[in-house]
Amino acid sequence: MSKAPTTAHRLRLLVGAGKAAPTPPVGPALGQRGVKSMDFCKAFNDRTKHYVPGVPISVKMIIEPNRTFTFETRNPPTSWLLLQAAGIEKGSARPGDVIVGTVSVKHVYEIAKIKAQDSTFRGVPLEKVASRVIGTARGMGINVVN
């Protein structure tokens, strides 16, 4: 006889704000863990209605053995925010060699203020968050200028 799982599943998703639907990637990811995807979709869409529709939102989800779930939404990924600030579609394939865009230090600090609200950065000084944003920009081939 097999035992029922006794540990909670952790799941990470990237879903467009207000666009959660029981289609891939949400439906299959939740369905294979026994969670009704419509329950998640309604809750997620309600929680993200203040964002512009379609903005990618990181979701950290915990699914209990009894198939109940809790989830935490985070702000859009740093890379997405940098692409928007630089006005480009994608980062460089060769970030050390090819610069595909530029952002100002002001943009970096605005992005850092947004990211500082995430639970990942609780208690981290804004300067450290900004240096992480600059590191992400360099890794994408985006130049930071004054």
C-alpha atoms as a PDB file:
ATOM      1  CA  MET A   1       0.000   0.000   0.000  1.00  0.00           C
ATOM      2  CA  SER A   2       1.220   3.491  -0.765  1.00  0.00           C
ATOM      3  CA  LYS A   3       1.013   6.258   1.779  1.00  0.00           C
ATOM      4  CA  ALA A   4      -0.471   9.647   1.099  1.00  0.00           C
ATOM      5  CA  PRO A   5       2.172  12.374   0.808  1.00  0.00           C
ATOM      6  CA  THR A   6       2.812  14.093   4.119  1.00  0.00           C
ATOM      7  CA  THR A   7       4.874  17.034   2.939  1.00  0.00           C
ATOM      8  CA  ALA A   8       3.715  20.190   1.244  1.00  0.00           C
ATOM      9  CA  HIS A   9       4.636  20.832  -2.387  1.00  0.00           C
ATOM     10  CA  ARG A  10       6.312  24.099  -3.274  1.00  0.00           C
ATOM     11  CA  LEU A  11       5.601  25.499  -6.690  1.00  0.00           C
ATOM     12  CA  ARG A  12       6.802  28.587  -8.533  1.00  0.00           C
ATOM     13  CA  LEU A  13       4.962  30.055 -11.478  1.00  0.00           C
ATOM     14  CA  LEU A  14       5.237  33.138 -13.661  1.00  0.00           C
ATOM     15  CA  VAL A  15       1.752  34.298 -14.623  1.00  0.00           C
ATOM     16  CA  GLY A  16       0.486  37.425 -16.367  1.00  0.00           C
ATOM     17  CA  ALA A  17      -1.400  39.767 -14.018  1.00  0.00           C
ATOM     18  CA  GLY A  18      -5.139  39.229 -14.332  1.00  0.00           C
ATOM     19  CA  LYS A  19      -4.552  36.579 -17.005  1.00  0.00           C
ATOM     20  CA  ALA A  20      -4.486  33.361 -14.959  1.00  0.00           C
ATOM     21  CA  ALA A  21      -6.522  30.667 -16.696  1.00  0.00           C
ATOM     22  CA  PRO A  22      -6.721  26.896 -16.316  1.00  0.00           C
ATOM     23  CA  THR A  23      -4.659  26.538 -19.494  1.00  0.00           C
ATOM     24  CA  PRO A  24      -0.892  25.826 -19.597  1.00  0.00           C
ATOM     25  CA  PRO A  25       1.218  26.587 -17.625  1.00  0.00           C
ATOM     26  CA  VAL A  26      -1.199  27.044 -14.696  1.00  0.00           C
ATOM     27  CA  GLY A  27      -3.709  24.243 -15.303  1.00  0.00           C
ATOM     28  CA  PRO A  28      -1.287  21.311 -15.769  1.00  0.00           C
ATOM     29  CA  ALA A  29       1.032  22.466 -12.959  1.00  0.00           C
ATOM     30  CA  LEU A  30      -1.824  22.566 -10.469  1.00  0.00           C
ATOM     31  CA  GLY A  31      -3.800  19.640 -11.883  1.00  0.00           C
ATOM     32  CA  GLN A  32      -1.000  17.129 -11.411  1.00  0.00           C
ATOM     33  CA  ARG A  33      -0.902  18.143  -7.742  1.00  0.00           C
ATOM     34  CA  GLY A  34      -4.669  17.737  -7.297  1.00  0.00           C
ATOM     35  CA  VAL A  35      -5.519  21.441  -6.967  1.00  0.00           C
ATOM     36  CA  LYS A  36      -8.540  22.971  -8.691  1.00  0.00           C
ATOM     37  CA  SER A  37      -6.954  25.490 -11.024  1.00  0.00           C
ATOM     38  CA  MET A  38     -10.076  27.685 -11.187  1.00  0.00           C
ATOM     39  CA  ASP A  39      -9.833  28.382  -7.439  1.00  0.00           C
ATOM     40  CA  PHE A  40      -6.257  29.601  -7.895  1.00  0.00           C
ATOM     41  CA  CYS A  41      -7.088  31.574 -11.051  1.00  0.00           C
ATOM     42  CA  LYS A  42      -9.929  33.498  -9.376  1.00  0.00           C
ATOM     43  CA  ALA A  43      -7.815  34.318  -6.314  1.00  0.00           C
ATOM     44  CA  PHE A  44      -4.756  35.282  -8.398  1.00  0.00           C
ATOM     45  CA  ASN A  45      -6.700  37.477 -10.831  1.00  0.00           C
ATOM     46  CA  ASP A  46      -8.397  39.234  -7.914  1.00  0.00           C
ATOM     47  CA  ARG A  47      -5.079  39.816  -6.130  1.00  0.00           C
ATOM     48  CA  THR A  48      -3.369  41.202  -9.270  1.00  0.00           C
ATOM     49  CA  LYS A  49      -6.171  43.403 -10.612  1.00  0.00           C
ATOM     50  CA  HIS A  50      -4.247  46.584  -9.689  1.00  0.00           C
ATOM     51  CA  TYR A  51      -1.449  45.698 -12.171  1.00  0.00           C
ATOM     52  CA  VAL A  52      -1.559  46.372 -15.898  1.00  0.00           C
ATOM     53  CA  PRO A  53      -3.016  43.163 -17.415  1.00  0.00           C
ATOM     54  CA  GLY A  54      -0.348  40.781 -18.666  1.00  0.00           C
ATOM     55  CA  VAL A  55       2.547  42.054 -16.513  1.00  0.00           C
ATOM     56  CA  PRO A  56       4.450  38.917 -15.451  1.00  0.00           C
ATOM     57  CA  ILE A  57       4.010  38.211 -11.741  1.00  0.00           C
ATOM     58  CA  SER A  58       6.079  35.665  -9.823  1.00  0.00           C
ATOM     59  CA  VAL A  59       3.990  33.315  -7.693  1.00  0.00           C
ATOM     60  CA  LYS A  60       5.339  31.207  -4.858  1.00  0.00           C
ATOM     61  CA  MET A  61       2.785  28.567  -3.937  1.00  0.00           C
ATOM     62  CA  ILE A  62       2.581  25.983  -1.146  1.00  0.00           C
ATOM     63  CA  ILE A  63       0.232  23.054  -1.725  1.00  0.00           C
ATOM     64  CA  GLU A  64      -0.666  21.056   1.376  1.00  0.00           C
ATOM     65  CA  PRO A  65      -1.275  17.272   1.328  1.00  0.00           C
ATOM     66  CA  ASN A  66      -5.025  17.881   1.735  1.00  0.00           C
ATOM     67  CA  ARG A  67      -4.895  19.865  -1.556  1.00  0.00           C
ATOM     68  CA  THR A  68      -5.410  23.274   0.006  1.00  0.00           C
ATOM     69  CA  PHE A  69      -2.979  25.962  -1.036  1.00  0.00           C
ATOM     70  CA  THR A  70      -1.580  29.332  -0.125  1.00  0.00           C
ATOM     71  CA  PHE A  71       0.318  31.600  -2.451  1.00  0.00           C
ATOM     72  CA  GLU A  72       2.381  34.743  -2.362  1.00  0.00           C
ATOM     73  CA  THR A  73       2.674  37.113  -5.294  1.00  0.00           C
ATOM     74  CA  ARG A  74       5.813  39.080  -5.901  1.00  0.00           C
ATOM     75  CA  ASN A  75       6.557  42.077  -8.062  1.00  0.00           C
ATOM     76  CA  PRO A  76       7.528  41.552 -11.713  1.00  0.00           C
ATOM     77  CA  PRO A  77      10.992  40.057 -12.324  1.00  0.00           C
ATOM     78  CA  THR A  78      13.938  42.469 -12.331  1.00  0.00           C
ATOM     79  CA  SER A  79      14.826  41.466 -15.882  1.00  0.00           C
ATOM     80  CA  TRP A  80      11.343  42.394 -17.126  1.00  0.00           C
ATOM     81  CA  LEU A  81      11.464  45.762 -15.350  1.00  0.00           C
ATOM     82  CA  LEU A  82      14.883  46.481 -16.877  1.00  0.00           C
ATOM     83  CA  LEU A  83      13.666  45.607 -20.380  1.00  0.00           C
ATOM     84  CA  GLN A  84      10.742  48.008 -19.926  1.00  0.00           C
ATOM     85  CA  ALA A  85      13.013  50.788 -18.631  1.00  0.00           C
ATOM     86  CA  ALA A  86      15.484  50.319 -21.492  1.00  0.00           C
ATOM     87  CA  GLY A  87      12.698  50.095 -24.077  1.00  0.00           C
ATOM     88  CA  ILE A  88      14.009  46.865 -25.589  1.00  0.00           C
ATOM     89  CA  GLU A  89      12.465  43.450 -26.291  1.00  0.00           C
ATOM     90  CA  LYS A  90      15.230  41.151 -25.059  1.00  0.00           C
ATOM     91  CA  GLY A  91      18.683  41.134 -23.530  1.00  0.00           C
ATOM     92  CA  SER A  92      21.973  40.531 -25.285  1.00  0.00           C
ATOM     93  CA  ALA A  93      23.018  37.039 -26.355  1.00  0.00           C
ATOM     94  CA  ARG A  94      26.603  38.115 -25.534  1.00  0.00           C
ATOM     95  CA  PRO A  95      26.273  40.506 -22.560  1.00  0.00           C
ATOM     96  CA  GLY A  96      30.008  41.132 -22.089  1.00  0.00           C
ATOM     97  CA  ASP A  97      30.495  42.048 -25.750  1.00  0.00           C
ATOM     98  CA  VAL A  98      27.225  43.517 -27.022  1.00  0.00           C
ATOM     99  CA  ILE A  99      25.314  46.322 -25.282  1.00  0.00           C
ATOM    100  CA  VAL A 100      21.633  46.298 -26.304  1.00  0.00           C
ATOM    101  CA  GLY A 101      20.321  49.197 -24.246  1.00  0.00           C
ATOM    102  CA  THR A 102      20.917  51.697 -21.470  1.00  0.00           C
ATOM    103  CA  VAL A 103      19.136  52.701 -18.279  1.00  0.00           C
ATOM    104  CA  SER A 104      19.846  55.573 -15.934  1.00  0.00           C
ATOM    105  CA  VAL A 105      20.802  55.290 -12.274  1.00  0.00           C
ATOM    106  CA  LYS A 106      17.398  56.834 -11.534  1.00  0.00           C
ATOM    107  CA  HIS A 107      15.725  53.885 -13.314  1.00  0.00           C
ATOM    108  CA  VAL A 108      17.875  51.470 -11.302  1.00  0.00           C
ATOM    109  CA  TYR A 109      16.756  53.038  -8.007  1.00  0.00           C
ATOM    110  CA  GLU A 110      13.097  53.054  -9.089  1.00  0.00           C
ATOM    111  CA  ILE A 111      13.349  49.342  -9.920  1.00  0.00           C
ATOM    112  CA  ALA A 112      15.167  48.740  -6.619  1.00  0.00           C
ATOM    113  CA  LYS A 113      12.305  50.448  -4.739  1.00  0.00           C
ATOM    114  CA  ILE A 114       9.818  48.108  -6.419  1.00  0.00           C
ATOM    115  CA  LYS A 115      11.913  45.007  -5.734  1.00  0.00           C
ATOM    116  CA  ALA A 116      12.598  46.048  -2.113  1.00  0.00           C
ATOM    117  CA  GLN A 117       8.903  45.398  -1.389  1.00  0.00           C
ATOM    118  CA  ASP A 118       9.326  41.666  -2.110  1.00  0.00           C
ATOM    119  CA  SER A 119       9.767  39.292   0.808  1.00  0.00           C
ATOM    120  CA  THR A 120      13.149  38.246  -0.613  1.00  0.00           C
ATOM    121  CA  PHE A 121      14.593  41.682   0.113  1.00  0.00           C
ATOM    122  CA  ARG A 122      13.037  42.380   3.540  1.00  0.00           C
ATOM    123  CA  GLY A 123      15.596  44.136   5.697  1.00  0.00           C
ATOM    124  CA  VAL A 124      18.060  44.617   2.824  1.00  0.00           C
ATOM    125  CA  PRO A 125      19.273  48.216   2.334  1.00  0.00           C
ATOM    126  CA  LEU A 126      18.118  49.904  -0.883  1.00  0.00           C
ATOM    127  CA  GLU A 127      21.749  50.318  -2.027  1.00  0.00           C
ATOM    128  CA  LYS A 128      22.247  46.530  -1.938  1.00  0.00           C
ATOM    129  CA  VAL A 129      19.028  45.964  -3.875  1.00  0.00           C
ATOM    130  CA  ALA A 130      20.170  48.566  -6.429  1.00  0.00           C
ATOM    131  CA  SER A 131      23.531  46.819  -6.812  1.00  0.00           C
ATOM    132  CA  ARG A 132      21.661  43.558  -7.524  1.00  0.00           C
ATOM    133  CA  VAL A 133      19.612  45.388 -10.179  1.00  0.00           C
ATOM    134  CA  ILE A 134      22.844  46.721 -11.740  1.00  0.00           C
ATOM    135  CA  GLY A 135      24.274  43.182 -11.753  1.00  0.00           C
ATOM    136  CA  THR A 136      21.173  41.899 -13.529  1.00  0.00           C
ATOM    137  CA  ALA A 137      21.416  44.750 -16.057  1.00  0.00           C
ATOM    138  CA  ARG A 138      25.066  43.901 -16.819  1.00  0.00           C
ATOM    139  CA  GLY A 139      24.141  40.239 -17.233  1.00  0.00           C
ATOM    140  CA  MET A 140      21.545  41.270 -19.817  1.00  0.00           C
ATOM    141  CA  GLY A 141      23.834  43.572 -21.788  1.00  0.00           C
ATOM    142  CA  ILE A 142      22.187  46.761 -20.498  1.00  0.00           C
ATOM    143  CA  ASN A 143      24.507  49.652 -19.670  1.00  0.00           C
ATOM    144  CA  VAL A 144      23.810  51.806 -16.582  1.00  0.00           C
ATOM    145  CA  VAL A 145      24.588  55.513 -17.099  1.00  0.00           C
ATOM    146  CA  ASN A 146      24.327  58.642 -14.936  1.00  0.00           C
END
